[in-house]
Amino acid sequence: MGVFSRLTDIINSNINAILDRAEDPEKIIRMVIQEMEDTLVEVRSTAAKSIADQKDLERRLSKIVKAQSDWEAKAELAISKGRDDLAKGALIEKSKVAEMAAQLQEELYLLAEALKRSEEDVIKLDAKLREARAKKVVMQARHKTASAQVRVKRNLYDNRIQDAFDRFDKVDSRLDRMEAEAEVYDLGRGQTLAEEIVGLEAGEEIEKELAALKAKNSGAGKPEAVKKKAGSK
């Protein structure tokens, strides 16, 4: 099973459990990110171990290749000394070492393929993790907005709010009745003696001011009339 298949199974099972409990979407995205982060750490740890194993195999292969060369040199030396039996034994050992080298080469190839897949997994998983973190920001904003809208709608359509406004209307009606009752006391009520005298005084002042204005205007016209008479003479 690949790392993404296993991660998908884990996430899906947890998401289903969260959905069954009707938990908030922010918790879902946090859980997904946590699973991806844990998986990324695991993949990198496995890749690090594979790299260490690869280096160990390369060191062992290097020693075996040198051993092959050494056994071949020993076989040549034995032949030069006329010891074909020793040369044959050296070549047998060289063959054994060659088999070990081939086995190590196969292990190195498989390990290199595994490292390549791990590297691809890390790249993909890291990209998905960045995408999930971006989605988390967007989802958190949407969740907050949606939650606020739900609270507003709940308050708007809450019977308690309507009951409160109904009570406000009743208070308004009661205040209207009280204000009307206060205005009733002024109905049909004439002016007091003091109010009439004040009115007379105000009227007298206006008459005086009116007479002054008339006198001013009539006085301003006399010089003009005198000038006309002088001109006619």
C-alpha atoms as a PDB file:
ATOM      1  CA  MET A   1       0.000   0.000   0.000  1.00  0.00           C
ATOM      2  CA  GLY A   2       1.405   3.407  -1.000  1.00  0.00           C
ATOM      3  CA  VAL A   3       1.843   6.223   1.448  1.00  0.00           C
ATOM      4  CA  PHE A   4      -0.985   8.227  -0.127  1.00  0.00           C
ATOM      5  CA  SER A   5      -3.373   5.274  -0.134  1.00  0.00           C
ATOM      6  CA  ARG A   6      -2.691   4.646   3.536  1.00  0.00           C
ATOM      7  CA  LEU A   7      -2.984   8.364   4.350  1.00  0.00           C
ATOM      8  CA  THR A   8      -6.281   8.578   2.463  1.00  0.00           C
ATOM      9  CA  ASP A   9      -7.697   5.625   4.384  1.00  0.00           C
ATOM     10  CA  ILE A  10      -6.674   7.162   7.710  1.00  0.00           C
ATOM     11  CA  ILE A  11      -8.093  10.571   6.855  1.00  0.00           C
ATOM     12  CA  ASN A  12     -11.343   9.176   5.459  1.00  0.00           C
ATOM     13  CA  SER A  13     -11.957   7.032   8.516  1.00  0.00           C
ATOM     14  CA  ASN A  14     -11.337   9.966  10.849  1.00  0.00           C
ATOM     15  CA  ILE A  15     -13.423  12.358   8.781  1.00  0.00           C
ATOM     16  CA  ASN A  16     -16.328   9.918   8.765  1.00  0.00           C
ATOM     17  CA  ALA A  17     -16.079   9.649  12.540  1.00  0.00           C
ATOM     18  CA  ILE A  18     -16.069  13.450  12.879  1.00  0.00           C
ATOM     19  CA  LEU A  19     -18.997  13.854  10.500  1.00  0.00           C
ATOM     20  CA  ASP A  20     -20.948  11.239  12.436  1.00  0.00           C
ATOM     21  CA  ARG A  21     -20.464  13.396  15.521  1.00  0.00           C
ATOM     22  CA  ALA A  22     -21.474  16.516  13.543  1.00  0.00           C
ATOM     23  CA  GLU A  23     -18.330  18.366  14.526  1.00  0.00           C
ATOM     24  CA  ASP A  24     -17.223  21.653  12.980  1.00  0.00           C
ATOM     25  CA  PRO A  25     -15.369  21.768   9.633  1.00  0.00           C
ATOM     26  CA  GLU A  26     -12.346  23.531  11.159  1.00  0.00           C
ATOM     27  CA  LYS A  27     -11.681  20.428  13.212  1.00  0.00           C
ATOM     28  CA  ILE A  28     -11.795  18.325  10.055  1.00  0.00           C
ATOM     29  CA  ILE A  29      -9.208  20.432   8.220  1.00  0.00           C
ATOM     30  CA  ARG A  30      -6.991  20.543  11.326  1.00  0.00           C
ATOM     31  CA  MET A  31      -7.161  16.774  11.543  1.00  0.00           C
ATOM     32  CA  VAL A  32      -6.299  16.392   7.850  1.00  0.00           C
ATOM     33  CA  ILE A  33      -3.308  18.718   8.193  1.00  0.00           C
ATOM     34  CA  GLN A  34      -2.109  16.870  11.302  1.00  0.00           C
ATOM     35  CA  GLU A  35      -2.319  13.514   9.521  1.00  0.00           C
ATOM     36  CA  MET A  36      -0.426  14.917   6.531  1.00  0.00           C
ATOM     37  CA  GLU A  37       2.258  16.452   8.747  1.00  0.00           C
ATOM     38  CA  ASP A  38       2.706  13.175  10.642  1.00  0.00           C
ATOM     39  CA  THR A  39       2.883  11.228   7.389  1.00  0.00           C
ATOM     40  CA  LEU A  40       5.408  13.678   5.949  1.00  0.00           C
ATOM     41  CA  VAL A  41       7.622  13.238   9.012  1.00  0.00           C
ATOM     42  CA  GLU A  42       7.328   9.463   8.658  1.00  0.00           C
ATOM     43  CA  VAL A  43       8.169   9.501   4.936  1.00  0.00           C
ATOM     44  CA  ARG A  44      11.191  11.732   5.490  1.00  0.00           C
ATOM     45  CA  SER A  45      12.368   9.535   8.341  1.00  0.00           C
ATOM     46  CA  THR A  46      12.060   6.439   6.132  1.00  0.00           C
ATOM     47  CA  ALA A  47      13.899   8.233   3.322  1.00  0.00           C
ATOM     48  CA  ALA A  48      16.699   9.222   5.694  1.00  0.00           C
ATOM     49  CA  LYS A  49      17.101   5.596   6.791  1.00  0.00           C
ATOM     50  CA  SER A  50      17.116   4.476   3.139  1.00  0.00           C
ATOM     51  CA  ILE A  51      19.848   6.991   2.330  1.00  0.00           C
ATOM     52  CA  ALA A  52      21.931   5.669   5.240  1.00  0.00           C
ATOM     53  CA  ASP A  53      21.378   2.078   4.016  1.00  0.00           C
ATOM     54  CA  GLN A  54      22.356   3.139   0.517  1.00  0.00           C
ATOM     55  CA  LYS A  55      25.646   4.585   1.716  1.00  0.00           C
ATOM     56  CA  ASP A  56      26.362   1.412   3.702  1.00  0.00           C
ATOM     57  CA  LEU A  57      25.685  -0.775   0.642  1.00  0.00           C
ATOM     58  CA  GLU A  58      27.913   1.413  -1.505  1.00  0.00           C
ATOM     59  CA  ARG A  59      30.773   1.017   1.007  1.00  0.00           C
ATOM     60  CA  ARG A  60      30.302  -2.757   1.097  1.00  0.00           C
ATOM     61  CA  LEU A  61      30.152  -2.928  -2.699  1.00  0.00           C
ATOM     62  CA  SER A  62      33.326  -0.910  -2.975  1.00  0.00           C
ATOM     63  CA  LYS A  63      35.104  -3.400  -0.682  1.00  0.00           C
ATOM     64  CA  ILE A  64      33.756  -6.368  -2.646  1.00  0.00           C
ATOM     65  CA  VAL A  65      34.864  -4.865  -5.965  1.00  0.00           C
ATOM     66  CA  LYS A  66      38.340  -4.443  -4.477  1.00  0.00           C
ATOM     67  CA  ALA A  67      38.210  -8.047  -3.223  1.00  0.00           C
ATOM     68  CA  GLN A  68      37.390  -9.197  -6.773  1.00  0.00           C
ATOM     69  CA  SER A  69      40.428  -7.370  -8.065  1.00  0.00           C
ATOM     70  CA  ASP A  70      42.567  -8.841  -5.308  1.00  0.00           C
ATOM     71  CA  TRP A  71      41.472 -12.450  -6.037  1.00  0.00           C
ATOM     72  CA  GLU A  72      42.126 -11.925  -9.732  1.00  0.00           C
ATOM     73  CA  ALA A  73      45.634 -10.643  -8.932  1.00  0.00           C
ATOM     74  CA  LYS A  74      46.234 -13.676  -6.709  1.00  0.00           C
ATOM     75  CA  ALA A  75      45.092 -16.007  -9.491  1.00  0.00           C
ATOM     76  CA  GLU A  76      47.548 -14.346 -11.903  1.00  0.00           C
ATOM     77  CA  LEU A  77      50.330 -14.673  -9.351  1.00  0.00           C
ATOM     78  CA  ALA A  78      49.595 -18.386  -8.825  1.00  0.00           C
ATOM     79  CA  ILE A  79      49.625 -18.994 -12.569  1.00  0.00           C
ATOM     80  CA  SER A  80      52.951 -17.216 -12.871  1.00  0.00           C
ATOM     81  CA  LYS A  81      54.350 -19.550 -10.227  1.00  0.00           C
ATOM     82  CA  GLY A  82      52.973 -22.632 -11.925  1.00  0.00           C
ATOM     83  CA  ARG A  83      50.346 -23.207  -9.268  1.00  0.00           C
ATOM     84  CA  ASP A  84      47.251 -23.720 -11.322  1.00  0.00           C
ATOM     85  CA  ASP A  85      45.509 -25.271  -8.338  1.00  0.00           C
ATOM     86  CA  LEU A  86      45.921 -22.092  -6.324  1.00  0.00           C
ATOM     87  CA  ALA A  87      44.916 -20.006  -9.311  1.00  0.00           C
ATOM     88  CA  LYS A  88      41.742 -22.082  -9.656  1.00  0.00           C
ATOM     89  CA  GLY A  89      40.946 -21.586  -5.970  1.00  0.00           C
ATOM     90  CA  ALA A  90      41.505 -17.835  -6.294  1.00  0.00           C
ATOM     91  CA  LEU A  91      39.157 -17.687  -9.277  1.00  0.00           C
ATOM     92  CA  ILE A  92      36.506 -19.595  -7.327  1.00  0.00           C
ATOM     93  CA  GLU A  93      36.731 -17.035  -4.524  1.00  0.00           C
ATOM     94  CA  LYS A  94      36.554 -14.266  -7.091  1.00  0.00           C
ATOM     95  CA  SER A  95      33.348 -15.820  -8.461  1.00  0.00           C
ATOM     96  CA  LYS A  96      31.813 -15.932  -4.978  1.00  0.00           C
ATOM     97  CA  VAL A  97      32.688 -12.287  -4.424  1.00  0.00           C
ATOM     98  CA  ALA A  98      31.249 -11.437  -7.840  1.00  0.00           C
ATOM     99  CA  GLU A  99      27.920 -13.035  -6.829  1.00  0.00           C
ATOM    100  CA  MET A 100      27.906 -10.933  -3.660  1.00  0.00           C
ATOM    101  CA  ALA A 101      28.642  -7.832  -5.728  1.00  0.00           C
ATOM    102  CA  ALA A 102      25.744  -8.602  -8.062  1.00  0.00           C
ATOM    103  CA  GLN A 103      23.428  -9.088  -5.104  1.00  0.00           C
ATOM    104  CA  LEU A 104      24.529  -5.779  -3.608  1.00  0.00           C
ATOM    105  CA  GLN A 105      24.018  -4.069  -6.966  1.00  0.00           C
ATOM    106  CA  GLU A 106      20.434  -5.392  -7.061  1.00  0.00           C
ATOM    107  CA  GLU A 107      19.815  -4.164  -3.514  1.00  0.00           C
ATOM    108  CA  LEU A 108      21.220  -0.747  -4.424  1.00  0.00           C
ATOM    109  CA  TYR A 109      18.953  -0.555  -7.471  1.00  0.00           C
ATOM    110  CA  LEU A 110      15.843  -1.428  -5.434  1.00  0.00           C
ATOM    111  CA  LEU A 111      16.861   1.013  -2.728  1.00  0.00           C
ATOM    112  CA  ALA A 112      17.401   3.766  -5.296  1.00  0.00           C
ATOM    113  CA  GLU A 113      13.907   3.120  -6.708  1.00  0.00           C
ATOM    114  CA  ALA A 114      12.420   3.285  -3.215  1.00  0.00           C
ATOM    115  CA  LEU A 115      14.247   6.561  -2.541  1.00  0.00           C
ATOM    116  CA  LYS A 116      12.953   7.974  -5.803  1.00  0.00           C
ATOM    117  CA  ARG A 117       9.378   7.084  -4.837  1.00  0.00           C
ATOM    118  CA  SER A 118       9.918   8.548  -1.372  1.00  0.00           C
ATOM    119  CA  GLU A 119      11.217  11.772  -2.881  1.00  0.00           C
ATOM    120  CA  GLU A 120       8.160  11.982  -5.157  1.00  0.00           C
ATOM    121  CA  ASP A 121       5.889  11.295  -2.184  1.00  0.00           C
ATOM    122  CA  VAL A 122       7.554  14.045  -0.158  1.00  0.00           C
ATOM    123  CA  ILE A 123       7.181  16.553  -3.010  1.00  0.00           C
ATOM    124  CA  LYS A 124       3.505  15.660  -3.573  1.00  0.00           C
ATOM    125  CA  LEU A 125       2.695  15.534   0.114  1.00  0.00           C
ATOM    126  CA  ASP A 126       4.424  18.846   0.779  1.00  0.00           C
ATOM    127  CA  ALA A 127       2.414  20.473  -2.036  1.00  0.00           C
ATOM    128  CA  LYS A 128      -0.828  18.990  -0.690  1.00  0.00           C
ATOM    129  CA  LEU A 129       0.083  20.174   2.790  1.00  0.00           C
ATOM    130  CA  ARG A 130       0.535  23.752   1.567  1.00  0.00           C
ATOM    131  CA  GLU A 131      -2.801  23.481  -0.243  1.00  0.00           C
ATOM    132  CA  ALA A 132      -4.495  22.150   2.902  1.00  0.00           C
ATOM    133  CA  ARG A 133      -3.060  24.987   5.001  1.00  0.00           C
ATOM    134  CA  ALA A 134      -4.370  27.524   2.477  1.00  0.00           C
ATOM    135  CA  LYS A 135      -7.785  25.825   2.563  1.00  0.00           C
ATOM    136  CA  LYS A 136      -7.693  25.978   6.342  1.00  0.00           C
ATOM    137  CA  VAL A 137      -7.403  29.785   6.260  1.00  0.00           C
ATOM    138  CA  VAL A 138     -10.270  30.065   3.762  1.00  0.00           C
ATOM    139  CA  MET A 139     -12.407  27.534   5.628  1.00  0.00           C
ATOM    140  CA  GLN A 140     -11.857  29.277   8.955  1.00  0.00           C
ATOM    141  CA  ALA A 141     -12.958  32.595   7.435  1.00  0.00           C
ATOM    142  CA  ARG A 142     -16.022  30.984   5.833  1.00  0.00           C
ATOM    143  CA  HIS A 143     -16.874  29.180   9.068  1.00  0.00           C
ATOM    144  CA  LYS A 144     -16.687  32.380  11.100  1.00  0.00           C
ATOM    145  CA  THR A 145     -18.822  34.229   8.550  1.00  0.00           C
ATOM    146  CA  ALA A 146     -21.375  31.425   8.396  1.00  0.00           C
ATOM    147  CA  SER A 147     -21.498  31.170  12.206  1.00  0.00           C
ATOM    148  CA  ALA A 148     -22.075  34.916  12.486  1.00  0.00           C
ATOM    149  CA  GLN A 149     -24.846  34.747   9.897  1.00  0.00           C
ATOM    150  CA  VAL A 150     -26.482  31.880  11.747  1.00  0.00           C
ATOM    151  CA  ARG A 151     -26.420  33.877  14.989  1.00  0.00           C
ATOM    152  CA  VAL A 152     -27.901  36.910  13.235  1.00  0.00           C
ATOM    153  CA  LYS A 153     -30.639  34.871  11.562  1.00  0.00           C
ATOM    154  CA  ARG A 154     -31.376  33.064  14.791  1.00  0.00           C
ATOM    155  CA  ASN A 155     -31.812  36.384  16.577  1.00  0.00           C
ATOM    156  CA  LEU A 156     -33.910  37.856  13.788  1.00  0.00           C
ATOM    157  CA  TYR A 157     -36.324  34.959  13.804  1.00  0.00           C
ATOM    158  CA  ASP A 158     -36.236  34.352  17.531  1.00  0.00           C
ATOM    159  CA  ASN A 159     -39.707  34.765  19.110  1.00  0.00           C
ATOM    160  CA  ARG A 160     -38.123  36.373  22.143  1.00  0.00           C
ATOM    161  CA  ILE A 161     -36.865  39.250  20.004  1.00  0.00           C
ATOM    162  CA  GLN A 162     -40.313  39.728  18.507  1.00  0.00           C
ATOM    163  CA  ASP A 163     -41.870  39.620  21.975  1.00  0.00           C
ATOM    164  CA  ALA A 164     -39.506  42.355  23.089  1.00  0.00           C
ATOM    165  CA  PHE A 165     -40.480  44.567  20.151  1.00  0.00           C
ATOM    166  CA  ASP A 166     -44.151  43.902  20.893  1.00  0.00           C
ATOM    167  CA  ARG A 167     -43.521  45.160  24.415  1.00  0.00           C
ATOM    168  CA  PHE A 168     -41.823  48.257  22.975  1.00  0.00           C
ATOM    169  CA  ASP A 169     -44.935  48.924  20.911  1.00  0.00           C
ATOM    170  CA  LYS A 170     -47.083  48.643  24.009  1.00  0.00           C
ATOM    171  CA  VAL A 171     -44.832  51.113  25.836  1.00  0.00           C
ATOM    172  CA  ASP A 172     -45.069  53.519  22.876  1.00  0.00           C
ATOM    173  CA  SER A 173     -48.865  53.281  22.945  1.00  0.00           C
ATOM    174  CA  ARG A 174     -48.924  53.960  26.669  1.00  0.00           C
ATOM    175  CA  LEU A 175     -46.661  57.002  26.260  1.00  0.00           C
ATOM    176  CA  ASP A 176     -48.933  58.306  23.490  1.00  0.00           C
ATOM    177  CA  ARG A 177     -51.931  58.052  25.825  1.00  0.00           C
ATOM    178  CA  MET A 178     -50.058  59.852  28.612  1.00  0.00           C
ATOM    179  CA  GLU A 179     -48.971  62.681  26.269  1.00  0.00           C
ATOM    180  CA  ALA A 180     -52.523  63.012  24.943  1.00  0.00           C
ATOM    181  CA  GLU A 181     -53.831  63.152  28.514  1.00  0.00           C
ATOM    182  CA  ALA A 182     -51.408  65.993  29.290  1.00  0.00           C
ATOM    183  CA  GLU A 183     -52.530  67.918  26.191  1.00  0.00           C
ATOM    184  CA  VAL A 184     -56.184  67.584  27.199  1.00  0.00           C
ATOM    185  CA  TYR A 185     -55.612  69.896  30.159  1.00  0.00           C
ATOM    186  CA  ASP A 186     -54.725  72.723  27.772  1.00  0.00           C
ATOM    187  CA  LEU A 187     -57.879  72.366  25.664  1.00  0.00           C
ATOM    188  CA  GLY A 188     -60.386  75.286  26.083  1.00  0.00           C
ATOM    189  CA  ARG A 189     -58.122  77.084  28.468  1.00  0.00           C
ATOM    190  CA  GLY A 190     -58.029  80.916  27.758  1.00  0.00           C
ATOM    191  CA  GLN A 191     -55.161  83.297  28.356  1.00  0.00           C
ATOM    192  CA  THR A 192     -54.450  84.492  31.859  1.00  0.00           C
ATOM    193  CA  LEU A 193     -54.504  88.197  32.764  1.00  0.00           C
ATOM    194  CA  ALA A 194     -50.716  88.286  32.796  1.00  0.00           C
ATOM    195  CA  GLU A 195     -50.558  86.678  29.369  1.00  0.00           C
ATOM    196  CA  GLU A 196     -53.041  89.238  27.941  1.00  0.00           C
ATOM    197  CA  ILE A 197     -51.041  92.174  29.358  1.00  0.00           C
ATOM    198  CA  VAL A 198     -47.828  90.796  27.878  1.00  0.00           C
ATOM    199  CA  GLY A 199     -49.610  90.535  24.541  1.00  0.00           C
ATOM    200  CA  LEU A 200     -50.762  94.159  24.763  1.00  0.00           C
ATOM    201  CA  GLU A 201     -47.280  95.346  25.621  1.00  0.00           C
ATOM    202  CA  ALA A 202     -45.853  93.436  22.681  1.00  0.00           C
ATOM    203  CA  GLY A 203     -48.494  94.955  20.350  1.00  0.00           C
ATOM    204  CA  GLU A 204     -47.747  98.483  21.626  1.00  0.00           C
ATOM    205  CA  GLU A 205     -44.045  98.031  20.927  1.00  0.00           C
ATOM    206  CA  ILE A 206     -44.776  96.874  17.394  1.00  0.00           C
ATOM    207  CA  GLU A 207     -47.063  99.918  16.793  1.00  0.00           C
ATOM    208  CA  LYS A 208     -44.303 102.281  17.965  1.00  0.00           C
ATOM    209  CA  GLU A 209     -41.751 100.619  15.702  1.00  0.00           C
ATOM    210  CA  LEU A 210     -44.191 100.809  12.752  1.00  0.00           C
ATOM    211  CA  ALA A 211     -44.803 104.550  13.332  1.00  0.00           C
ATOM    212  CA  ALA A 212     -41.068 105.210  13.492  1.00  0.00           C
ATOM    213  CA  LEU A 213     -40.512 103.473  10.178  1.00  0.00           C
ATOM    214  CA  LYS A 214     -43.318 105.490   8.533  1.00  0.00           C
ATOM    215  CA  ALA A 215     -41.890 108.755   9.861  1.00  0.00           C
ATOM    216  CA  LYS A 216     -38.462 107.846   8.598  1.00  0.00           C
ATOM    217  CA  ASN A 217     -39.728 107.053   5.136  1.00  0.00           C
ATOM    218  CA  SER A 218     -41.862 110.210   4.854  1.00  0.00           C
ATOM    219  CA  GLY A 219     -38.946 112.366   6.063  1.00  0.00           C
ATOM    220  CA  ALA A 220     -36.602 110.891   3.510  1.00  0.00           C
ATOM    221  CA  GLY A 221     -38.934 112.011   0.661  1.00  0.00           C
ATOM    222  CA  LYS A 222     -39.250 115.787   1.618  1.00  0.00           C
ATOM    223  CA  PRO A 223     -35.810 117.025   0.448  1.00  0.00           C
ATOM    224  CA  GLU A 224     -36.464 115.537  -2.973  1.00  0.00           C
ATOM    225  CA  ALA A 225     -39.756 117.436  -3.221  1.00  0.00           C
ATOM    226  CA  VAL A 226     -38.055 120.753  -2.307  1.00  0.00           C
ATOM    227  CA  LYS A 227     -35.479 120.250  -5.010  1.00  0.00           C
ATOM    228  CA  LYS A 228     -38.206 119.783  -7.629  1.00  0.00           C
ATOM    229  CA  LYS A 229     -39.945 123.038  -6.619  1.00  0.00           C
ATOM    230  CA  ALA A 230     -36.682 124.990  -6.815  1.00  0.00           C
ATOM    231  CA  GLY A 231     -36.036 123.657 -10.248  1.00  0.00           C
ATOM    232  CA  SER A 232     -39.404 124.722 -11.546  1.00  0.00           C
ATOM    233  CA  LYS A 233     -38.782 128.352 -10.562  1.00  0.00           C
END
